Amino acid sequence: MLKQKDMEDSMLYAHKNFMDNLEKSLDILAVELKQAKEMTSICNDEWCNATESYIDDMHKNLYAISEPRWLPDQDSRRLKQLRTRIRDLYRDFANVKGSHS
């Protein structure tokens, strides 16, 4: 039983670390999109393609995370919030892309 608890603790630590890093990536992307709204020439093909690719990758990562039965409620809520944020960032990106086309 002790080994199972150690395994769950290890998995929980890895899960939280992964979520922390995804959240940091979302923060960086949010700043980039905010800056892009203020610049008229930022959304060139290269920037738009790269940004859309990053958003897609983060979206896939966030939705690929399963919620283990031992995941604390606060982490489950955090995952839902991050999933909402990535949808909001994609909407913001679409607005930036559309306004600079």
N, C-alpha and C. Protein backbone atom coordinates (compact mmCIF):
# COMPACT_ATOMS: atom_id res chain seq x y z
N MET A 1 0.81 -1.18 0.00
CA MET A 1 0.00 0.00 0.00
C MET A 1 0.87 1.26 0.00
N LEU A 2 1.99 1.20 0.69
CA LEU A 2 2.90 2.34 0.75
C LEU A 2 3.45 2.66 -0.65
N LYS A 3 3.77 1.63 -1.42
CA LYS A 3 4.30 1.85 -2.77
C LYS A 3 3.25 2.51 -3.65
N GLN A 4 2.00 2.12 -3.51
CA GLN A 4 0.94 2.73 -4.30
C GLN A 4 0.80 4.21 -3.93
N LYS A 5 0.88 4.54 -2.65
CA LYS A 5 0.80 5.92 -2.21
C LYS A 5 1.98 6.72 -2.77
N ASP A 6 3.17 6.14 -2.73
CA ASP A 6 4.35 6.80 -3.29
C ASP A 6 4.18 7.04 -4.78
N MET A 7 3.61 6.07 -5.48
CA MET A 7 3.38 6.20 -6.92
C MET A 7 2.38 7.33 -7.19
N GLU A 8 1.29 7.37 -6.42
CA GLU A 8 0.30 8.42 -6.59
C GLU A 8 0.91 9.80 -6.30
N ASP A 9 1.72 9.89 -5.25
CA ASP A 9 2.38 11.16 -4.92
C ASP A 9 3.30 11.59 -6.05
N SER A 10 4.04 10.65 -6.61
CA SER A 10 4.94 10.96 -7.72
C SER A 10 4.17 11.42 -8.95
N MET A 11 3.08 10.72 -9.24
CA MET A 11 2.26 11.10 -10.40
C MET A 11 1.61 12.46 -10.18
N LEU A 12 1.16 12.72 -8.97
CA LEU A 12 0.55 14.01 -8.66
C LEU A 12 1.57 15.13 -8.82
N TYR A 13 2.80 14.90 -8.38
CA TYR A 13 3.85 15.90 -8.53
C TYR A 13 4.12 16.16 -10.02
N ALA A 14 4.24 15.11 -10.80
CA ALA A 14 4.48 15.26 -12.24
C ALA A 14 3.31 15.97 -12.92
N HIS A 15 2.11 15.63 -12.51
CA HIS A 15 0.92 16.26 -13.08
C HIS A 15 0.91 17.76 -12.78
N LYS A 16 1.18 18.12 -11.53
CA LYS A 16 1.18 19.53 -11.15
C LYS A 16 2.29 20.29 -11.87
N ASN A 17 3.44 19.68 -12.01
CA ASN A 17 4.56 20.31 -12.71
C ASN A 17 4.19 20.55 -14.18
N PHE A 18 3.58 19.57 -14.81
CA PHE A 18 3.16 19.71 -16.20
C PHE A 18 2.12 20.82 -16.34
N MET A 19 1.15 20.85 -15.43
CA MET A 19 0.12 21.89 -15.47
C MET A 19 0.73 23.27 -15.24
N ASP A 20 1.69 23.37 -14.32
CA ASP A 20 2.37 24.66 -14.08
C ASP A 20 3.03 25.16 -15.36
N ASN A 21 3.70 24.27 -16.06
CA ASN A 21 4.39 24.66 -17.29
C ASN A 21 3.42 25.02 -18.40
N LEU A 22 2.33 24.31 -18.51
CA LEU A 22 1.30 24.67 -19.50
C LEU A 22 0.72 26.05 -19.18
N GLU A 23 0.50 26.31 -17.91
CA GLU A 23 -0.06 27.60 -17.52
C GLU A 23 0.92 28.74 -17.84
N LYS A 24 2.19 28.51 -17.61
CA LYS A 24 3.21 29.52 -17.96
C LYS A 24 3.20 29.78 -19.46
N SER A 25 3.05 28.71 -20.24
CA SER A 25 2.99 28.87 -21.70
C SER A 25 1.77 29.67 -22.11
N LEU A 26 0.64 29.41 -21.47
CA LEU A 26 -0.57 30.18 -21.77
C LEU A 26 -0.38 31.65 -21.41
N ASP A 27 0.31 31.92 -20.30
CA ASP A 27 0.58 33.31 -19.92
C ASP A 27 1.42 34.02 -20.98
N ILE A 28 2.44 33.35 -21.47
CA ILE A 28 3.30 33.93 -22.51
C ILE A 28 2.49 34.20 -23.77
N LEU A 29 1.69 33.25 -24.17
CA LEU A 29 0.87 33.41 -25.37
C LEU A 29 -0.14 34.53 -25.20
N ALA A 30 -0.71 34.67 -24.03
CA ALA A 30 -1.67 35.75 -23.78
C ALA A 30 -1.01 37.11 -23.95
N VAL A 31 0.22 37.25 -23.46
CA VAL A 31 0.95 38.51 -23.60
C VAL A 31 1.24 38.79 -25.08
N GLU A 32 1.65 37.75 -25.81
CA GLU A 32 1.92 37.90 -27.24
C GLU A 32 0.68 38.37 -27.99
N LEU A 33 -0.46 37.77 -27.69
CA LEU A 33 -1.70 38.15 -28.37
C LEU A 33 -2.13 39.57 -28.00
N LYS A 34 -1.92 39.94 -26.75
CA LYS A 34 -2.26 41.30 -26.32
C LYS A 34 -1.41 42.31 -27.09
N GLN A 35 -0.12 42.02 -27.23
CA GLN A 35 0.76 42.91 -27.98
C GLN A 35 0.38 42.94 -29.45
N ALA A 36 -0.03 41.81 -29.99
CA ALA A 36 -0.38 41.74 -31.40
C ALA A 36 -1.60 42.60 -31.72
N LYS A 37 -2.52 42.72 -30.77
CA LYS A 37 -3.71 43.55 -30.98
C LYS A 37 -3.32 45.01 -31.22
N GLU A 38 -2.19 45.41 -30.63
CA GLU A 38 -1.76 46.80 -30.72
C GLU A 38 -0.88 47.08 -31.93
N MET A 39 -0.44 46.05 -32.61
CA MET A 39 0.46 46.24 -33.76
C MET A 39 -0.28 45.87 -35.04
N THR A 40 -0.10 46.68 -36.04
CA THR A 40 -0.84 46.43 -37.28
C THR A 40 -0.16 45.44 -38.20
N SER A 41 1.13 45.25 -38.06
CA SER A 41 1.82 44.37 -39.02
C SER A 41 2.29 43.05 -38.41
N ILE A 42 1.87 42.75 -37.19
CA ILE A 42 2.38 41.56 -36.51
C ILE A 42 1.89 40.27 -37.14
N CYS A 43 0.67 40.25 -37.62
CA CYS A 43 0.09 38.99 -38.08
C CYS A 43 0.46 38.68 -39.52
N ASN A 44 1.75 38.57 -39.76
CA ASN A 44 2.18 38.11 -41.08
C ASN A 44 2.02 36.59 -41.12
N ASP A 45 2.20 36.00 -42.26
CA ASP A 45 1.97 34.55 -42.39
C ASP A 45 2.80 33.74 -41.41
N GLU A 46 4.06 34.09 -41.25
CA GLU A 46 4.94 33.32 -40.37
C GLU A 46 4.45 33.39 -38.91
N TRP A 47 4.17 34.61 -38.42
CA TRP A 47 3.73 34.77 -37.04
C TRP A 47 2.39 34.07 -36.81
N CYS A 48 1.46 34.27 -37.73
CA CYS A 48 0.13 33.66 -37.58
C CYS A 48 0.22 32.14 -37.58
N ASN A 49 0.99 31.58 -38.49
CA ASN A 49 1.12 30.12 -38.55
C ASN A 49 1.77 29.56 -37.29
N ALA A 50 2.82 30.22 -36.81
CA ALA A 50 3.51 29.75 -35.60
C ALA A 50 2.58 29.86 -34.39
N THR A 51 1.88 30.98 -34.27
CA THR A 51 1.00 31.18 -33.12
C THR A 51 -0.15 30.18 -33.14
N GLU A 52 -0.72 29.98 -34.29
CA GLU A 52 -1.82 29.01 -34.38
C GLU A 52 -1.33 27.60 -34.05
N SER A 53 -0.12 27.29 -34.47
CA SER A 53 0.46 25.99 -34.15
C SER A 53 0.66 25.81 -32.65
N TYR A 54 1.15 26.87 -31.97
CA TYR A 54 1.34 26.81 -30.51
C TYR A 54 0.01 26.62 -29.81
N ILE A 55 -1.00 27.36 -30.25
CA ILE A 55 -2.32 27.23 -29.63
C ILE A 55 -2.86 25.82 -29.83
N ASP A 56 -2.73 25.30 -31.03
CA ASP A 56 -3.20 23.94 -31.30
C ASP A 56 -2.48 22.91 -30.43
N ASP A 57 -1.16 23.06 -30.29
CA ASP A 57 -0.39 22.11 -29.47
C ASP A 57 -0.82 22.18 -28.01
N MET A 58 -1.00 23.40 -27.49
CA MET A 58 -1.42 23.52 -26.09
C MET A 58 -2.83 22.98 -25.90
N HIS A 59 -3.69 23.22 -26.88
CA HIS A 59 -5.06 22.69 -26.82
C HIS A 59 -5.02 21.17 -26.76
N LYS A 60 -4.24 20.55 -27.62
CA LYS A 60 -4.13 19.09 -27.61
C LYS A 60 -3.59 18.59 -26.28
N ASN A 61 -2.57 19.26 -25.75
CA ASN A 61 -2.00 18.83 -24.47
C ASN A 61 -3.01 18.96 -23.34
N LEU A 62 -3.73 20.06 -23.29
CA LEU A 62 -4.70 20.25 -22.21
C LEU A 62 -5.84 19.25 -22.28
N TYR A 63 -6.29 18.93 -23.47
CA TYR A 63 -7.40 18.00 -23.60
C TYR A 63 -6.96 16.54 -23.55
N ALA A 64 -5.65 16.30 -23.64
CA ALA A 64 -5.13 14.94 -23.53
C ALA A 64 -4.93 14.53 -22.08
N ILE A 65 -4.96 15.49 -21.18
CA ILE A 65 -4.75 15.19 -19.77
C ILE A 65 -5.99 14.50 -19.22
N SER A 66 -5.77 13.29 -18.72
CA SER A 66 -6.89 12.62 -18.06
C SER A 66 -6.89 13.04 -16.60
N GLU A 67 -8.02 12.93 -15.99
CA GLU A 67 -8.14 13.30 -14.59
C GLU A 67 -8.18 12.02 -13.76
N PRO A 68 -7.03 11.67 -13.18
CA PRO A 68 -7.00 10.45 -12.36
C PRO A 68 -7.96 10.55 -11.19
N ARG A 69 -8.40 9.42 -10.70
CA ARG A 69 -9.37 9.41 -9.60
C ARG A 69 -8.83 10.07 -8.34
N TRP A 70 -7.51 10.11 -8.20
CA TRP A 70 -6.90 10.68 -7.00
C TRP A 70 -6.56 12.16 -7.16
N LEU A 71 -6.94 12.74 -8.28
CA LEU A 71 -6.64 14.16 -8.51
C LEU A 71 -7.48 15.03 -7.57
N PRO A 72 -6.84 15.91 -6.80
CA PRO A 72 -7.61 16.78 -5.90
C PRO A 72 -8.57 17.68 -6.69
N ASP A 73 -9.67 18.05 -6.05
CA ASP A 73 -10.68 18.89 -6.69
C ASP A 73 -10.10 20.20 -7.21
N GLN A 74 -9.17 20.79 -6.46
CA GLN A 74 -8.60 22.07 -6.90
C GLN A 74 -7.82 21.89 -8.20
N ASP A 75 -7.16 20.76 -8.39
CA ASP A 75 -6.44 20.51 -9.64
C ASP A 75 -7.39 20.25 -10.79
N SER A 76 -8.50 19.61 -10.48
CA SER A 76 -9.52 19.38 -11.50
C SER A 76 -10.11 20.72 -11.97
N ARG A 77 -10.38 21.60 -11.01
CA ARG A 77 -10.89 22.94 -11.37
C ARG A 77 -9.85 23.71 -12.17
N ARG A 78 -8.59 23.58 -11.78
CA ARG A 78 -7.51 24.28 -12.50
C ARG A 78 -7.43 23.82 -13.94
N LEU A 79 -7.55 22.52 -14.16
CA LEU A 79 -7.52 21.99 -15.52
C LEU A 79 -8.68 22.55 -16.34
N LYS A 80 -9.85 22.62 -15.76
CA LYS A 80 -11.01 23.19 -16.46
C LYS A 80 -10.77 24.67 -16.79
N GLN A 81 -10.17 25.40 -15.85
CA GLN A 81 -9.86 26.81 -16.10
C GLN A 81 -8.85 26.97 -17.23
N LEU A 82 -7.84 26.11 -17.26
CA LEU A 82 -6.84 26.18 -18.34
C LEU A 82 -7.47 25.86 -19.68
N ARG A 83 -8.39 24.91 -19.69
CA ARG A 83 -9.08 24.57 -20.94
C ARG A 83 -9.93 25.75 -21.42
N THR A 84 -10.56 26.45 -20.49
CA THR A 84 -11.33 27.64 -20.85
C THR A 84 -10.40 28.72 -21.38
N ARG A 85 -9.24 28.89 -20.74
CA ARG A 85 -8.29 29.91 -21.18
C ARG A 85 -7.79 29.64 -22.59
N ILE A 86 -7.53 28.38 -22.94
CA ILE A 86 -7.01 28.10 -24.28
C ILE A 86 -8.08 28.39 -25.32
N ARG A 87 -9.34 28.13 -25.00
CA ARG A 87 -10.42 28.48 -25.94
C ARG A 87 -10.51 29.99 -26.10
N ASP A 88 -10.37 30.72 -24.98
CA ASP A 88 -10.40 32.18 -25.04
C ASP A 88 -9.22 32.73 -25.84
N LEU A 89 -8.05 32.13 -25.65
CA LEU A 89 -6.87 32.59 -26.40
C LEU A 89 -7.04 32.32 -27.90
N TYR A 90 -7.63 31.19 -28.24
CA TYR A 90 -7.86 30.92 -29.66
C TYR A 90 -8.83 31.93 -30.24
N ARG A 91 -9.86 32.29 -29.47
CA ARG A 91 -10.82 33.32 -29.93
C ARG A 91 -10.09 34.66 -30.11
N ASP A 92 -9.22 35.02 -29.14
CA ASP A 92 -8.45 36.26 -29.26
C ASP A 92 -7.55 36.23 -30.48
N PHE A 93 -6.93 35.08 -30.72
CA PHE A 93 -6.06 34.93 -31.89
C PHE A 93 -6.87 35.13 -33.17
N ALA A 94 -8.04 34.51 -33.23
CA ALA A 94 -8.88 34.65 -34.43
C ALA A 94 -9.25 36.11 -34.66
N ASN A 95 -9.51 36.85 -33.59
CA ASN A 95 -9.81 38.28 -33.72
C ASN A 95 -8.62 39.07 -34.22
N VAL A 96 -7.44 38.76 -33.69
CA VAL A 96 -6.21 39.44 -34.14
C VAL A 96 -5.95 39.11 -35.59
N LYS A 97 -6.05 37.86 -35.93
CA LYS A 97 -5.80 37.42 -37.32
C LYS A 97 -6.80 38.06 -38.27
N GLY A 98 -8.07 38.10 -37.86
CA GLY A 98 -9.10 38.67 -38.71
C GLY A 98 -8.99 40.17 -38.87
N SER A 99 -8.51 40.86 -37.85
CA SER A 99 -8.41 42.31 -37.93
C SER A 99 -7.19 42.79 -38.69
N HIS A 100 -6.24 41.89 -38.93
CA HIS A 100 -5.04 42.26 -39.66
C HIS A 100 -4.95 41.65 -41.05
N SER A 101 -6.03 41.00 -41.48
CA SER A 101 -6.02 40.36 -42.81
C SER A 101 -6.28 41.37 -43.90
